[in-house]
Amino acid sequence: MNSISRRTALSALSGLSALGLTRGVRSAMADIGSPQFTTISTRDGRQLNAFLSLPAHLPAPAVLTIHSSLGLTDWYRSQAARFAEAGFVGLAVDLFPGQQAWDPDGEQRLINEAFRDARRTTENLVDWVHSLRRDPRTNGKVGI
């Protein structure tokens, strides 16, 4: 049996989001304008955070960006903005709410937290995809 690193497995979770069940999500996404942080509330009361950047012309397809084991860094926020410049609704999710890692120990701690409840991590991604699909500023198409 081959061994898989935790980082590789966490990256693979993004693919599982397409398998999730539909969740009721109320969107509180930002209005057209500057890129900014946004939050959605799930039907079970969880608050999910991300960074949203909107293109000049709406509706548009959306691209959801999943960060690495370092967390939602400036680089991932800049990627959401770059997608918006290219005509997409850009969303960079925050799977480690407000936390970033600055060293290998910090990375491992964040990865462990995400794996402690892998189903919840996957549900968070699914909730964002469903929110984007229903958002009137998108055309219902979402890439990850």
N, C-alpha and C. Protein backbone atom coordinates (compact mmCIF):
# COMPACT_ATOMS: atom_id res chain seq x y z
N MET A 1 0.84 -1.18 0.00
CA MET A 1 0.00 0.00 0.00
C MET A 1 0.88 1.23 0.00
N ASN A 2 0.58 2.17 -0.88
CA ASN A 2 1.36 3.40 -0.96
C ASN A 2 0.89 4.39 0.09
N SER A 3 1.84 5.14 0.63
CA SER A 3 1.54 6.15 1.62
C SER A 3 1.25 7.48 0.92
N ILE A 4 0.26 8.22 1.42
CA ILE A 4 -0.10 9.52 0.87
C ILE A 4 0.11 10.56 1.95
N SER A 5 0.74 11.67 1.58
CA SER A 5 0.95 12.73 2.56
C SER A 5 -0.37 13.40 2.90
N ARG A 6 -0.43 13.99 4.07
CA ARG A 6 -1.65 14.70 4.47
C ARG A 6 -1.92 15.87 3.53
N ARG A 7 -0.88 16.53 3.08
CA ARG A 7 -1.04 17.67 2.17
C ARG A 7 -1.70 17.21 0.87
N THR A 8 -1.27 16.06 0.34
CA THR A 8 -1.85 15.52 -0.88
C THR A 8 -3.31 15.17 -0.66
N ALA A 9 -3.61 14.56 0.47
CA ALA A 9 -4.99 14.19 0.76
C ALA A 9 -5.88 15.41 0.90
N LEU A 10 -5.38 16.46 1.57
CA LEU A 10 -6.17 17.68 1.72
C LEU A 10 -6.45 18.30 0.36
N SER A 11 -5.46 18.29 -0.51
CA SER A 11 -5.67 18.81 -1.86
C SER A 11 -6.74 18.00 -2.58
N ALA A 12 -6.76 16.70 -2.34
CA ALA A 12 -7.75 15.84 -2.99
C ALA A 12 -9.16 16.10 -2.50
N LEU A 13 -9.30 16.65 -1.31
CA LEU A 13 -10.64 16.95 -0.79
C LEU A 13 -11.41 17.88 -1.72
N SER A 14 -10.70 18.73 -2.42
CA SER A 14 -11.38 19.65 -3.33
C SER A 14 -12.19 18.89 -4.37
N GLY A 15 -11.68 17.75 -4.80
CA GLY A 15 -12.40 16.95 -5.77
C GLY A 15 -13.66 16.32 -5.21
N LEU A 16 -13.68 16.09 -3.92
CA LEU A 16 -14.84 15.50 -3.29
C LEU A 16 -16.02 16.45 -3.21
N SER A 17 -15.76 17.74 -3.32
CA SER A 17 -16.84 18.71 -3.17
C SER A 17 -17.96 18.48 -4.18
N ALA A 18 -17.63 17.98 -5.34
CA ALA A 18 -18.64 17.73 -6.36
C ALA A 18 -19.57 16.59 -5.97
N LEU A 19 -19.16 15.75 -5.01
CA LEU A 19 -19.96 14.61 -4.60
C LEU A 19 -20.93 14.94 -3.48
N GLY A 20 -20.81 16.13 -2.90
CA GLY A 20 -21.62 16.48 -1.73
C GLY A 20 -23.09 16.65 -2.06
N LEU A 21 -23.90 16.60 -1.01
CA LEU A 21 -25.33 16.81 -1.16
C LEU A 21 -25.65 18.29 -1.08
N THR A 22 -26.76 18.67 -1.68
CA THR A 22 -27.17 20.07 -1.68
C THR A 22 -27.43 20.53 -0.26
N ARG A 23 -26.93 21.69 0.08
CA ARG A 23 -27.13 22.30 1.40
C ARG A 23 -27.83 23.63 1.21
N GLY A 24 -28.66 24.00 2.15
CA GLY A 24 -29.28 25.32 2.10
C GLY A 24 -28.28 26.36 2.55
N VAL A 25 -28.01 27.33 1.72
CA VAL A 25 -27.03 28.36 2.05
C VAL A 25 -27.63 29.72 1.74
N ARG A 26 -27.54 30.63 2.69
CA ARG A 26 -27.98 32.01 2.48
C ARG A 26 -26.74 32.82 2.17
N SER A 27 -26.73 33.47 1.02
CA SER A 27 -25.55 34.21 0.60
C SER A 27 -25.57 35.63 1.13
N ALA A 28 -24.39 36.09 1.58
CA ALA A 28 -24.22 37.48 1.99
C ALA A 28 -22.98 38.01 1.29
N MET A 29 -22.88 37.72 -0.02
CA MET A 29 -21.69 38.09 -0.75
C MET A 29 -21.63 39.58 -1.02
N ALA A 30 -20.44 40.06 -1.28
CA ALA A 30 -20.19 41.49 -1.47
C ALA A 30 -20.85 42.01 -2.74
N ASP A 31 -21.14 43.30 -2.76
CA ASP A 31 -21.67 43.96 -3.94
C ASP A 31 -20.55 44.22 -4.92
N ILE A 32 -20.93 44.57 -6.15
CA ILE A 32 -19.93 44.89 -7.15
C ILE A 32 -19.04 46.01 -6.63
N GLY A 33 -17.76 45.88 -6.85
CA GLY A 33 -16.81 46.87 -6.37
C GLY A 33 -15.48 46.22 -6.10
N SER A 34 -14.80 46.71 -5.12
CA SER A 34 -13.48 46.21 -4.77
C SER A 34 -13.56 44.79 -4.24
N PRO A 35 -12.49 44.02 -4.46
CA PRO A 35 -12.45 42.68 -3.85
C PRO A 35 -12.53 42.82 -2.33
N GLN A 36 -13.23 41.90 -1.69
CA GLN A 36 -13.37 41.98 -0.26
C GLN A 36 -13.73 40.63 0.34
N PHE A 37 -13.58 40.53 1.65
CA PHE A 37 -13.98 39.31 2.34
C PHE A 37 -15.49 39.23 2.35
N THR A 38 -15.98 38.00 2.31
CA THR A 38 -17.42 37.75 2.30
C THR A 38 -17.71 36.54 3.17
N THR A 39 -18.96 36.41 3.56
CA THR A 39 -19.38 35.32 4.45
C THR A 39 -20.70 34.75 3.95
N ILE A 40 -20.86 33.45 4.08
CA ILE A 40 -22.17 32.83 3.89
C ILE A 40 -22.52 32.13 5.19
N SER A 41 -23.80 32.00 5.42
CA SER A 41 -24.31 31.25 6.57
C SER A 41 -24.95 29.98 6.04
N THR A 42 -24.56 28.85 6.58
CA THR A 42 -25.15 27.59 6.15
C THR A 42 -26.45 27.36 6.90
N ARG A 43 -27.21 26.44 6.42
CA ARG A 43 -28.51 26.14 7.02
C ARG A 43 -28.37 25.70 8.47
N ASP A 44 -27.23 25.08 8.82
CA ASP A 44 -27.04 24.66 10.22
C ASP A 44 -26.34 25.73 11.06
N GLY A 45 -26.23 26.96 10.52
CA GLY A 45 -25.76 28.09 11.31
C GLY A 45 -24.27 28.36 11.29
N ARG A 46 -23.51 27.60 10.50
CA ARG A 46 -22.07 27.86 10.42
C ARG A 46 -21.82 29.07 9.55
N GLN A 47 -20.77 29.83 9.87
CA GLN A 47 -20.34 30.98 9.08
C GLN A 47 -19.09 30.58 8.32
N LEU A 48 -19.11 30.73 7.00
CA LEU A 48 -17.96 30.40 6.15
C LEU A 48 -17.43 31.67 5.52
N ASN A 49 -16.11 31.82 5.51
CA ASN A 49 -15.47 33.02 5.01
C ASN A 49 -14.69 32.75 3.73
N ALA A 50 -14.61 33.78 2.90
CA ALA A 50 -13.84 33.71 1.66
C ALA A 50 -13.52 35.12 1.21
N PHE A 51 -12.74 35.21 0.16
CA PHE A 51 -12.38 36.48 -0.46
C PHE A 51 -13.01 36.49 -1.84
N LEU A 52 -13.82 37.51 -2.12
CA LEU A 52 -14.59 37.60 -3.35
C LEU A 52 -14.11 38.76 -4.20
N SER A 53 -13.99 38.49 -5.50
CA SER A 53 -13.64 39.53 -6.46
C SER A 53 -14.56 39.37 -7.67
N LEU A 54 -15.20 40.48 -8.06
CA LEU A 54 -16.18 40.44 -9.14
C LEU A 54 -15.64 41.08 -10.41
N PRO A 55 -16.03 40.51 -11.56
CA PRO A 55 -15.60 41.08 -12.84
C PRO A 55 -16.44 42.30 -13.20
N ALA A 56 -16.06 42.98 -14.26
CA ALA A 56 -16.78 44.17 -14.71
C ALA A 56 -18.16 43.83 -15.26
N HIS A 57 -18.31 42.67 -15.88
CA HIS A 57 -19.58 42.30 -16.52
C HIS A 57 -20.16 41.06 -15.84
N LEU A 58 -21.42 41.21 -15.43
CA LEU A 58 -22.12 40.12 -14.75
C LEU A 58 -23.42 39.84 -15.49
N PRO A 59 -23.95 38.65 -15.41
CA PRO A 59 -23.42 37.49 -14.69
C PRO A 59 -22.23 36.89 -15.42
N ALA A 60 -21.45 36.13 -14.66
CA ALA A 60 -20.23 35.52 -15.19
C ALA A 60 -20.03 34.16 -14.54
N PRO A 61 -19.26 33.28 -15.18
CA PRO A 61 -18.92 32.02 -14.52
C PRO A 61 -18.02 32.30 -13.32
N ALA A 62 -18.01 31.39 -12.37
CA ALA A 62 -17.23 31.57 -11.15
C ALA A 62 -16.09 30.56 -11.09
N VAL A 63 -15.02 30.98 -10.41
CA VAL A 63 -13.89 30.08 -10.13
C VAL A 63 -13.63 30.13 -8.64
N LEU A 64 -13.69 28.96 -8.00
CA LEU A 64 -13.43 28.82 -6.57
C LEU A 64 -11.99 28.34 -6.41
N THR A 65 -11.21 29.08 -5.64
CA THR A 65 -9.81 28.75 -5.40
C THR A 65 -9.66 28.19 -3.99
N ILE A 66 -8.96 27.07 -3.88
CA ILE A 66 -8.72 26.42 -2.59
C ILE A 66 -7.26 26.62 -2.23
N HIS A 67 -7.02 27.16 -1.04
CA HIS A 67 -5.66 27.46 -0.63
C HIS A 67 -4.87 26.22 -0.23
N SER A 68 -3.58 26.40 -0.07
CA SER A 68 -2.69 25.33 0.35
C SER A 68 -2.70 25.19 1.87
N SER A 69 -1.75 24.46 2.39
CA SER A 69 -1.66 24.23 3.83
C SER A 69 -1.22 25.48 4.59
N LEU A 70 -0.87 26.54 3.89
CA LEU A 70 -0.50 27.79 4.57
C LEU A 70 -1.71 28.63 4.96
N GLY A 71 -2.86 28.36 4.34
CA GLY A 71 -4.06 29.14 4.61
C GLY A 71 -4.33 30.15 3.52
N LEU A 72 -5.31 31.01 3.74
CA LEU A 72 -5.71 32.02 2.76
C LEU A 72 -4.74 33.19 2.82
N THR A 73 -3.68 33.07 2.04
CA THR A 73 -2.63 34.09 2.03
C THR A 73 -2.96 35.17 0.99
N ASP A 74 -2.14 36.21 0.98
CA ASP A 74 -2.29 37.28 -0.01
C ASP A 74 -2.26 36.73 -1.44
N TRP A 75 -1.43 35.71 -1.67
CA TRP A 75 -1.31 35.16 -3.02
C TRP A 75 -2.65 34.59 -3.49
N TYR A 76 -3.37 33.87 -2.63
CA TYR A 76 -4.66 33.30 -3.03
C TYR A 76 -5.70 34.39 -3.23
N ARG A 77 -5.65 35.42 -2.42
CA ARG A 77 -6.57 36.55 -2.63
C ARG A 77 -6.26 37.22 -3.97
N SER A 78 -4.98 37.33 -4.31
CA SER A 78 -4.63 37.95 -5.59
C SER A 78 -5.10 37.09 -6.76
N GLN A 79 -5.15 35.78 -6.58
CA GLN A 79 -5.65 34.90 -7.64
C GLN A 79 -7.13 35.14 -7.89
N ALA A 80 -7.90 35.35 -6.83
CA ALA A 80 -9.33 35.66 -7.00
C ALA A 80 -9.47 36.95 -7.80
N ALA A 81 -8.66 37.94 -7.50
CA ALA A 81 -8.69 39.21 -8.22
C ALA A 81 -8.29 39.02 -9.69
N ARG A 82 -7.32 38.17 -9.93
CA ARG A 82 -6.89 37.91 -11.31
C ARG A 82 -7.99 37.21 -12.11
N PHE A 83 -8.72 36.29 -11.45
CA PHE A 83 -9.84 35.66 -12.15
C PHE A 83 -10.89 36.71 -12.51
N ALA A 84 -11.16 37.65 -11.61
CA ALA A 84 -12.13 38.71 -11.89
C ALA A 84 -11.67 39.57 -13.06
N GLU A 85 -10.39 39.88 -13.12
CA GLU A 85 -9.85 40.65 -14.24
C GLU A 85 -10.04 39.90 -15.56
N ALA A 86 -10.04 38.56 -15.49
CA ALA A 86 -10.22 37.74 -16.69
C ALA A 86 -11.69 37.49 -17.01
N GLY A 87 -12.61 38.08 -16.21
CA GLY A 87 -14.03 37.96 -16.51
C GLY A 87 -14.80 36.95 -15.69
N PHE A 88 -14.19 36.40 -14.66
CA PHE A 88 -14.85 35.41 -13.80
C PHE A 88 -15.15 36.02 -12.43
N VAL A 89 -16.16 35.48 -11.76
CA VAL A 89 -16.35 35.77 -10.34
C VAL A 89 -15.28 34.94 -9.63
N GLY A 90 -14.35 35.59 -8.95
CA GLY A 90 -13.25 34.88 -8.28
C GLY A 90 -13.53 34.77 -6.79
N LEU A 91 -13.45 33.55 -6.27
CA LEU A 91 -13.68 33.33 -4.84
C LEU A 91 -12.56 32.46 -4.29
N ALA A 92 -11.85 32.97 -3.29
CA ALA A 92 -10.81 32.20 -2.61
C ALA A 92 -11.34 31.85 -1.21
N VAL A 93 -11.63 30.56 -0.98
CA VAL A 93 -12.21 30.14 0.29
C VAL A 93 -11.17 30.13 1.39
N ASP A 94 -11.65 30.19 2.62
CA ASP A 94 -10.79 30.14 3.80
C ASP A 94 -11.16 28.91 4.63
N LEU A 95 -10.45 27.82 4.40
CA LEU A 95 -10.73 26.57 5.12
C LEU A 95 -10.16 26.56 6.53
N PHE A 96 -9.27 27.48 6.84
CA PHE A 96 -8.70 27.60 8.18
C PHE A 96 -9.10 28.97 8.71
N PRO A 97 -10.35 29.17 9.07
CA PRO A 97 -10.89 30.52 9.33
C PRO A 97 -9.95 31.47 10.04
N GLY A 98 -9.45 32.44 9.26
CA GLY A 98 -8.61 33.49 9.80
C GLY A 98 -7.22 33.06 10.23
N GLN A 99 -6.84 31.83 9.99
CA GLN A 99 -5.53 31.34 10.44
C GLN A 99 -4.60 31.12 9.24
N GLN A 100 -3.33 31.43 9.44
CA GLN A 100 -2.31 31.15 8.44
C GLN A 100 -1.13 30.49 9.13
N ALA A 101 -0.41 29.70 8.37
CA ALA A 101 0.78 29.04 8.90
C ALA A 101 2.02 29.78 8.42
N TRP A 102 2.99 29.89 9.28
CA TRP A 102 4.24 30.59 8.95
C TRP A 102 5.44 29.68 9.02
N ASP A 103 5.22 28.42 9.42
CA ASP A 103 6.32 27.46 9.53
C ASP A 103 5.73 26.05 9.40
N PRO A 104 6.58 25.03 9.25
CA PRO A 104 6.07 23.66 9.09
C PRO A 104 5.19 23.19 10.25
N ASP A 105 5.51 23.58 11.48
CA ASP A 105 4.68 23.18 12.62
C ASP A 105 3.28 23.78 12.51
N GLY A 106 3.21 25.04 12.10
CA GLY A 106 1.92 25.68 11.91
C GLY A 106 1.11 25.03 10.80
N GLU A 107 1.79 24.68 9.72
CA GLU A 107 1.13 23.97 8.63
C GLU A 107 0.53 22.67 9.11
N GLN A 108 1.32 21.91 9.84
CA GLN A 108 0.86 20.61 10.33
C GLN A 108 -0.34 20.77 11.26
N ARG A 109 -0.32 21.80 12.10
CA ARG A 109 -1.44 22.03 13.02
C ARG A 109 -2.72 22.32 12.23
N LEU A 110 -2.63 23.18 11.20
CA LEU A 110 -3.80 23.51 10.39
C LEU A 110 -4.31 22.30 9.61
N ILE A 111 -3.40 21.52 9.07
CA ILE A 111 -3.78 20.31 8.34
C ILE A 111 -4.49 19.34 9.28
N ASN A 112 -3.94 19.17 10.47
CA ASN A 112 -4.55 18.26 11.45
C ASN A 112 -5.97 18.71 11.79
N GLU A 113 -6.17 20.02 11.95
CA GLU A 113 -7.51 20.54 12.25
C GLU A 113 -8.47 20.23 11.11
N ALA A 114 -8.02 20.41 9.86
CA ALA A 114 -8.88 20.13 8.71
C ALA A 114 -9.21 18.64 8.63
N PHE A 115 -8.25 17.78 8.94
CA PHE A 115 -8.48 16.34 8.88
C PHE A 115 -9.25 15.81 10.07
N ARG A 116 -9.25 16.56 11.15
CA ARG A 116 -10.00 16.12 12.33
C ARG A 116 -11.47 15.94 11.96
N ASP A 117 -11.96 16.79 11.07
CA ASP A 117 -13.34 16.68 10.60
C ASP A 117 -13.33 16.89 9.08
N ALA A 118 -12.84 15.88 8.37
CA ALA A 118 -12.71 15.96 6.92
C ALA A 118 -14.07 16.14 6.24
N ARG A 119 -15.11 15.55 6.80
CA ARG A 119 -16.44 15.70 6.22
C ARG A 119 -16.87 17.16 6.28
N ARG A 120 -16.60 17.82 7.38
CA ARG A 120 -16.98 19.23 7.53
C ARG A 120 -16.20 20.09 6.52
N THR A 121 -14.92 19.80 6.34
CA THR A 121 -14.12 20.54 5.37
C THR A 121 -14.71 20.40 3.97
N THR A 122 -15.09 19.18 3.61
CA THR A 122 -15.69 18.94 2.30
C THR A 122 -17.05 19.63 2.20
N GLU A 123 -17.85 19.58 3.26
CA GLU A 123 -19.14 20.26 3.25
C GLU A 123 -18.98 21.77 3.06
N ASN A 124 -17.94 22.34 3.65
CA ASN A 124 -17.69 23.77 3.47
C ASN A 124 -17.47 24.09 1.99
N LEU A 125 -16.69 23.27 1.32
CA LEU A 125 -16.44 23.49 -0.11
C LEU A 125 -17.73 23.32 -0.91
N VAL A 126 -18.51 22.31 -0.59
CA VAL A 126 -19.77 22.08 -1.28
C VAL A 126 -20.71 23.27 -1.07
N ASP A 127 -20.77 23.78 0.16
CA ASP A 127 -21.64 24.92 0.44
C ASP A 127 -21.24 26.14 -0.39
N TRP A 128 -19.94 26.38 -0.55
CA TRP A 128 -19.49 27.50 -1.38
C TRP A 128 -19.88 27.29 -2.84
N VAL A 129 -19.71 26.07 -3.35
CA VAL A 129 -20.07 25.80 -4.75
C VAL A 129 -21.56 26.04 -4.96
N HIS A 130 -22.38 25.53 -4.06
CA HIS A 130 -23.82 25.72 -4.20
C HIS A 130 -24.20 27.20 -4.09
N SER A 131 -23.54 27.91 -3.21
CA SER A 131 -23.81 29.34 -3.06
C SER A 131 -23.47 30.09 -4.35
N LEU A 132 -22.32 29.77 -4.93
CA LEU A 132 -21.94 30.41 -6.19
C LEU A 132 -22.91 30.07 -7.31
N ARG A 133 -23.35 28.81 -7.37
CA ARG A 133 -24.28 28.41 -8.43
C ARG A 133 -25.59 29.18 -8.35
N ARG A 134 -26.03 29.50 -7.14
CA ARG A 134 -27.30 30.20 -6.95
C ARG A 134 -27.17 31.72 -6.97
N ASP A 135 -25.96 32.23 -6.88
CA ASP A 135 -25.75 33.67 -6.82
C ASP A 135 -26.14 34.29 -8.17
N PRO A 136 -27.01 35.30 -8.17
CA PRO A 136 -27.44 35.90 -9.44
C PRO A 136 -26.31 36.59 -10.21
N ARG A 137 -25.18 36.82 -9.56
CA ARG A 137 -24.05 37.45 -10.26
C ARG A 137 -23.25 36.43 -11.06
N THR A 138 -23.57 35.14 -10.90
CA THR A 138 -22.91 34.11 -11.70
C THR A 138 -23.91 33.56 -12.72
N ASN A 139 -23.38 32.86 -13.71
CA ASN A 139 -24.25 32.20 -14.68
C ASN A 139 -24.53 30.76 -14.26
N GLY A 140 -24.21 30.42 -13.03
CA GLY A 140 -24.45 29.08 -12.50
C GLY A 140 -23.32 28.10 -12.73
N LYS A 141 -22.31 28.51 -13.48
CA LYS A 141 -21.18 27.63 -13.75
C LYS A 141 -20.06 27.93 -12.77
N VAL A 142 -19.51 26.88 -12.15
CA VAL A 142 -18.45 27.05 -11.15
C VAL A 142 -17.31 26.08 -11.45
N GLY A 143 -16.11 26.62 -11.56
CA GLY A 143 -14.91 25.80 -11.69
C GLY A 143 -14.13 25.87 -10.39
N ILE A 144 -13.36 24.83 -10.14
CA ILE A 144 -12.56 24.77 -8.91
C ILE A 144 -11.10 24.64 -9.28
